[in-house]
Amino acid sequence: MSMLTPPGMGGKYRVTGAAYPRMSRPRRRRKVVFALLGSLLALALLGYGGLQLIGVFRGDGKRNAAAAGKDCPTASPGAGKAAKAVNTGSGPGAAPSASPAAALPQPGQITVNVYNATPRAGLAKAVRDELEKRGFVIGQVGNAPAGFDKKVPGAGILVGSPRTDKAAYSVLAAQLTGVTTQTDAREGGDIDLILGDSFKELTAKADADKALAALANPVPAPAGKC
């Protein structure tokens, strides 16, 4: 019997030879490593969060300082809600619209030639009579030239000299909706009103007067919030 066998035990409980069972040590090293890694990760997260907070506070200070040094935007002198009386056409012959701040001429200072480019008979004469009532000086009245006859799909076209006062276009264009403008090689200051297929009637005089008043006295746009 081996000396490792307790007294009274034999058989299958008998321990023979010089070998003996070894008890493995608990694996504490792995736990220690995990604990260290967890601590380092926590410290890294805390440090990163602190840096983020510092950056936020610094950024707010800079933005506040920049905002304090900025002035609120002011409305430009020409800004306003002026009625858009003239729709300019495209192309090299298009005439620019008048600036809202431009001084508007009186209808009696504008000579208008009224031409009918539609199949409706008597249209030019009817428009001539109404424009004359509104104070415009009437020039030629009749059918449109061949280059425009039955070729104006819109409400009408205003044709004048490149040197014609642009404000005159605005005064005349306020009398009908959807008119476009262009220029030709004429020398005088008269303006042709060529009536197109979409023309029905002139704008009501009260509405035309309101549009002209808005052009002559534009309302400044409200200042934006800071």
Protein backbone atom coordinates (compact mmCIF):
# COMPACT_ATOMS: atom_id res chain seq x y z
CA MET A 1 0.00 0.00 0.00
CA SER A 2 1.17 3.38 -0.83
CA MET A 3 1.80 5.93 1.85
CA LEU A 4 -0.74 8.17 0.07
CA THR A 5 -3.54 5.70 0.66
CA PRO A 6 -5.42 6.42 3.90
CA PRO A 7 -5.66 3.53 6.27
CA GLY A 8 -8.57 1.26 5.64
CA MET A 9 -8.94 2.26 2.00
CA GLY A 10 -7.87 -0.02 -0.72
CA GLY A 11 -9.08 -1.41 -3.94
CA LYS A 12 -10.03 1.26 -6.43
CA TYR A 13 -9.26 3.99 -3.89
CA ARG A 14 -5.73 2.84 -3.61
CA VAL A 15 -3.16 5.30 -4.87
CA THR A 16 -0.12 3.73 -6.37
CA GLY A 17 3.17 5.09 -7.64
CA ALA A 18 4.84 8.37 -6.91
CA ALA A 19 2.33 10.53 -8.88
CA TYR A 20 -0.25 12.67 -7.08
CA PRO A 21 -3.06 14.90 -8.29
CA ARG A 22 -2.25 18.54 -8.81
CA MET A 23 -4.76 21.27 -7.97
CA SER A 24 -4.78 24.09 -10.59
CA ARG A 25 -4.55 27.64 -9.28
CA PRO A 26 -7.53 29.94 -9.93
CA ARG A 27 -7.06 32.01 -13.06
CA ARG A 28 -7.02 35.39 -11.43
CA ARG A 29 -4.61 36.89 -13.95
CA ARG A 30 -7.31 37.13 -16.64
CA LYS A 31 -9.66 38.92 -14.25
CA VAL A 32 -6.96 41.37 -13.34
CA VAL A 33 -6.25 42.09 -17.01
CA PHE A 34 -9.94 42.67 -17.75
CA ALA A 35 -10.25 44.95 -14.74
CA LEU A 36 -7.29 47.03 -15.90
CA LEU A 37 -8.67 47.31 -19.44
CA GLY A 38 -12.06 48.35 -18.11
CA SER A 39 -10.48 51.02 -15.93
CA LEU A 40 -8.45 52.41 -18.86
CA LEU A 41 -11.55 52.50 -21.08
CA ALA A 42 -13.53 54.32 -18.43
CA LEU A 43 -10.77 56.89 -17.98
CA ALA A 44 -10.54 57.40 -21.74
CA LEU A 45 -14.30 57.98 -21.99
CA LEU A 46 -14.23 60.44 -19.11
CA GLY A 47 -11.36 62.36 -20.69
CA TYR A 48 -13.06 62.49 -24.09
CA GLY A 49 -16.30 63.70 -22.54
CA GLY A 50 -14.45 66.42 -20.67
CA LEU A 51 -12.80 67.62 -23.87
CA GLN A 52 -16.16 67.72 -25.61
CA LEU A 53 -17.70 69.81 -22.86
CA ILE A 54 -14.77 72.24 -22.95
CA GLY A 55 -15.15 72.56 -26.72
CA VAL A 56 -18.88 73.23 -26.41
CA PHE A 57 -18.38 75.98 -23.85
CA ARG A 58 -15.60 77.57 -25.88
CA GLY A 59 -17.68 77.42 -29.06
CA ASP A 60 -20.67 79.06 -27.39
CA GLY A 61 -18.47 81.87 -26.16
CA LYS A 62 -17.10 82.51 -29.63
CA ARG A 63 -20.55 82.43 -31.20
CA ASN A 64 -21.95 84.78 -28.60
CA ALA A 65 -19.06 87.18 -29.11
CA ALA A 66 -19.55 87.06 -32.88
CA ALA A 67 -23.29 87.59 -32.53
CA ALA A 68 -22.70 90.55 -30.23
CA GLY A 69 -20.47 92.19 -32.83
CA LYS A 70 -22.95 91.77 -35.67
CA ASP A 71 -25.60 94.31 -36.54
CA CYS A 72 -29.07 93.36 -37.67
CA PRO A 73 -29.44 93.54 -41.45
CA THR A 74 -31.24 96.64 -42.63
CA ALA A 75 -33.61 96.90 -45.55
CA SER A 76 -32.21 98.45 -48.69
CA PRO A 77 -33.70 101.84 -49.64
CA GLY A 78 -35.24 100.45 -52.84
CA ALA A 79 -36.75 97.33 -51.28
CA GLY A 80 -40.51 97.12 -51.01
CA LYS A 81 -43.73 95.58 -52.12
CA ALA A 82 -44.10 97.54 -55.32
CA ALA A 83 -46.48 96.02 -57.80
CA LYS A 84 -44.78 94.26 -60.67
CA ALA A 85 -46.26 96.15 -63.56
CA VAL A 86 -43.87 95.18 -66.37
CA ASN A 87 -42.95 91.65 -67.44
CA THR A 88 -39.88 92.08 -69.62
CA GLY A 89 -39.44 89.85 -72.65
CA SER A 90 -36.31 87.85 -73.41
CA GLY A 91 -33.77 88.42 -76.14
CA PRO A 92 -31.45 91.21 -77.20
CA GLY A 93 -34.36 93.54 -77.99
CA ALA A 94 -35.98 93.25 -74.55
CA ALA A 95 -36.42 96.50 -72.68
CA PRO A 96 -35.54 96.51 -68.96
CA SER A 97 -38.27 97.46 -66.52
CA ALA A 98 -38.18 100.70 -64.61
CA SER A 99 -36.69 100.80 -61.14
CA PRO A 100 -39.35 101.07 -58.39
CA ALA A 101 -37.62 104.21 -57.13
CA ALA A 102 -37.74 105.92 -60.55
CA ALA A 103 -39.93 108.98 -60.95
CA LEU A 104 -43.00 108.02 -62.95
CA PRO A 105 -44.16 110.24 -65.82
CA GLN A 106 -47.79 111.30 -66.07
CA PRO A 107 -49.99 109.59 -68.71
CA GLY A 108 -50.20 112.91 -70.55
CA GLN A 109 -46.43 112.67 -71.16
CA ILE A 110 -46.69 109.28 -72.91
CA THR A 111 -47.71 108.87 -76.55
CA VAL A 112 -49.23 105.47 -77.29
CA ASN A 113 -49.83 103.83 -80.67
CA VAL A 114 -52.51 101.14 -80.37
CA TYR A 115 -52.36 98.19 -82.80
CA ASN A 116 -54.61 95.14 -83.00
CA ALA A 117 -52.84 91.83 -83.71
CA THR A 118 -56.00 89.73 -83.12
CA PRO A 119 -58.88 88.78 -85.45
CA ARG A 120 -61.33 90.83 -83.31
CA ALA A 121 -62.52 93.86 -85.19
CA GLY A 122 -62.64 97.22 -83.43
CA LEU A 123 -60.38 96.15 -80.53
CA ALA A 124 -57.72 98.83 -81.13
CA LYS A 125 -60.33 101.58 -81.22
CA ALA A 126 -61.97 100.43 -77.97
CA VAL A 127 -58.62 100.33 -76.16
CA ARG A 128 -57.69 103.70 -77.67
CA ASP A 129 -60.84 105.27 -76.24
CA GLU A 130 -60.20 103.90 -72.74
CA LEU A 131 -56.53 104.94 -72.69
CA GLU A 132 -57.54 108.40 -73.85
CA LYS A 133 -59.94 108.63 -70.90
CA ARG A 134 -57.05 107.79 -68.59
CA GLY A 135 -55.02 110.72 -69.91
CA PHE A 136 -52.64 109.06 -72.39
CA VAL A 137 -51.75 110.82 -75.65
CA ILE A 138 -52.93 108.63 -78.54
CA GLY A 139 -50.89 108.35 -81.75
CA GLN A 140 -51.55 105.79 -84.49
CA VAL A 141 -54.44 103.32 -84.22
CA GLY A 142 -55.07 100.31 -86.50
CA ASN A 143 -54.05 96.77 -87.33
CA ALA A 144 -50.66 95.48 -86.20
CA PRO A 145 -47.69 95.43 -88.62
CA ALA A 146 -47.17 92.22 -90.57
CA GLY A 147 -44.39 91.08 -88.24
CA PHE A 148 -46.86 91.01 -85.32
CA ASP A 149 -50.26 90.43 -86.93
CA LYS A 150 -51.80 87.19 -85.55
CA LYS A 151 -48.40 86.41 -83.96
CA VAL A 152 -48.84 87.73 -80.41
CA PRO A 153 -50.13 84.89 -78.19
CA GLY A 154 -49.96 86.88 -74.94
CA ALA A 155 -51.96 89.87 -73.75
CA GLY A 156 -49.79 92.36 -75.57
CA ILE A 157 -46.36 93.77 -76.37
CA LEU A 158 -44.95 97.23 -75.71
CA VAL A 159 -42.44 98.32 -78.35
CA GLY A 160 -40.34 101.46 -78.01
CA SER A 161 -36.95 103.01 -78.59
CA PRO A 162 -33.92 101.93 -76.54
CA ARG A 163 -33.81 105.54 -75.31
CA THR A 164 -37.44 105.59 -74.18
CA ASP A 165 -37.85 106.33 -70.49
CA LYS A 166 -38.21 102.95 -68.80
CA ALA A 167 -40.65 104.44 -66.30
CA ALA A 168 -43.01 105.13 -69.20
CA TYR A 169 -43.20 101.40 -69.85
CA SER A 170 -44.20 100.87 -66.22
CA VAL A 171 -47.02 103.43 -66.41
CA LEU A 172 -48.43 101.91 -69.58
CA ALA A 173 -47.90 98.31 -68.48
CA ALA A 174 -49.91 98.96 -65.32
CA GLN A 175 -52.98 99.34 -67.56
CA LEU A 176 -53.03 95.67 -68.64
CA THR A 177 -51.82 92.38 -67.14
CA GLY A 178 -49.32 90.08 -68.85
CA VAL A 179 -47.71 92.60 -71.20
CA THR A 180 -44.08 92.21 -72.29
CA THR A 181 -41.70 94.84 -73.65
CA GLN A 182 -39.09 95.08 -76.37
CA THR A 183 -37.29 97.73 -78.42
CA ASP A 184 -36.74 98.51 -82.06
CA ALA A 185 -34.76 101.06 -84.09
CA ARG A 186 -37.23 103.96 -83.81
CA GLU A 187 -35.97 107.40 -82.90
CA GLY A 188 -39.02 108.92 -81.19
CA GLY A 189 -40.24 108.42 -77.64
CA ASP A 190 -43.66 106.97 -78.54
CA ILE A 191 -44.60 103.44 -77.47
CA ASP A 192 -46.56 100.86 -79.50
CA LEU A 193 -49.17 98.84 -77.65
CA ILE A 194 -49.76 95.72 -79.76
CA LEU A 195 -52.76 93.77 -78.46
CA GLY A 196 -52.39 89.97 -78.48
CA ASP A 197 -54.73 86.97 -78.52
CA SER A 198 -54.91 86.70 -74.70
CA PHE A 199 -56.03 90.31 -74.24
CA LYS A 200 -59.52 90.68 -72.81
CA GLU A 201 -59.72 94.16 -71.35
CA LEU A 202 -57.62 96.80 -69.67
CA THR A 203 -56.97 96.59 -65.95
CA ALA A 204 -59.57 98.47 -63.94
CA LYS A 205 -58.44 102.07 -63.51
CA ALA A 206 -58.55 101.82 -59.70
CA ASP A 207 -56.24 98.78 -59.75
CA ALA A 208 -53.89 100.44 -62.23
CA ASP A 209 -53.72 103.54 -60.03
CA LYS A 210 -52.86 101.36 -57.01
CA ALA A 211 -50.06 99.66 -58.94
CA LEU A 212 -48.64 103.02 -59.98
CA ALA A 213 -48.86 104.34 -56.42
CA ALA A 214 -46.95 101.29 -55.19
CA LEU A 215 -44.25 101.88 -57.81
CA ALA A 216 -43.95 105.55 -56.93
CA ASN A 217 -43.91 104.97 -53.15
CA PRO A 218 -42.41 101.54 -52.40
CA VAL A 219 -42.91 100.23 -48.86
CA PRO A 220 -39.57 99.32 -47.17
CA ALA A 221 -39.22 95.64 -46.35
CA PRO A 222 -39.24 94.87 -42.61
CA ALA A 223 -35.80 94.28 -41.06
CA GLY A 224 -34.99 90.64 -40.40
CA LYS A 225 -34.48 89.23 -36.92
CA CYS A 226 -30.93 88.85 -35.62
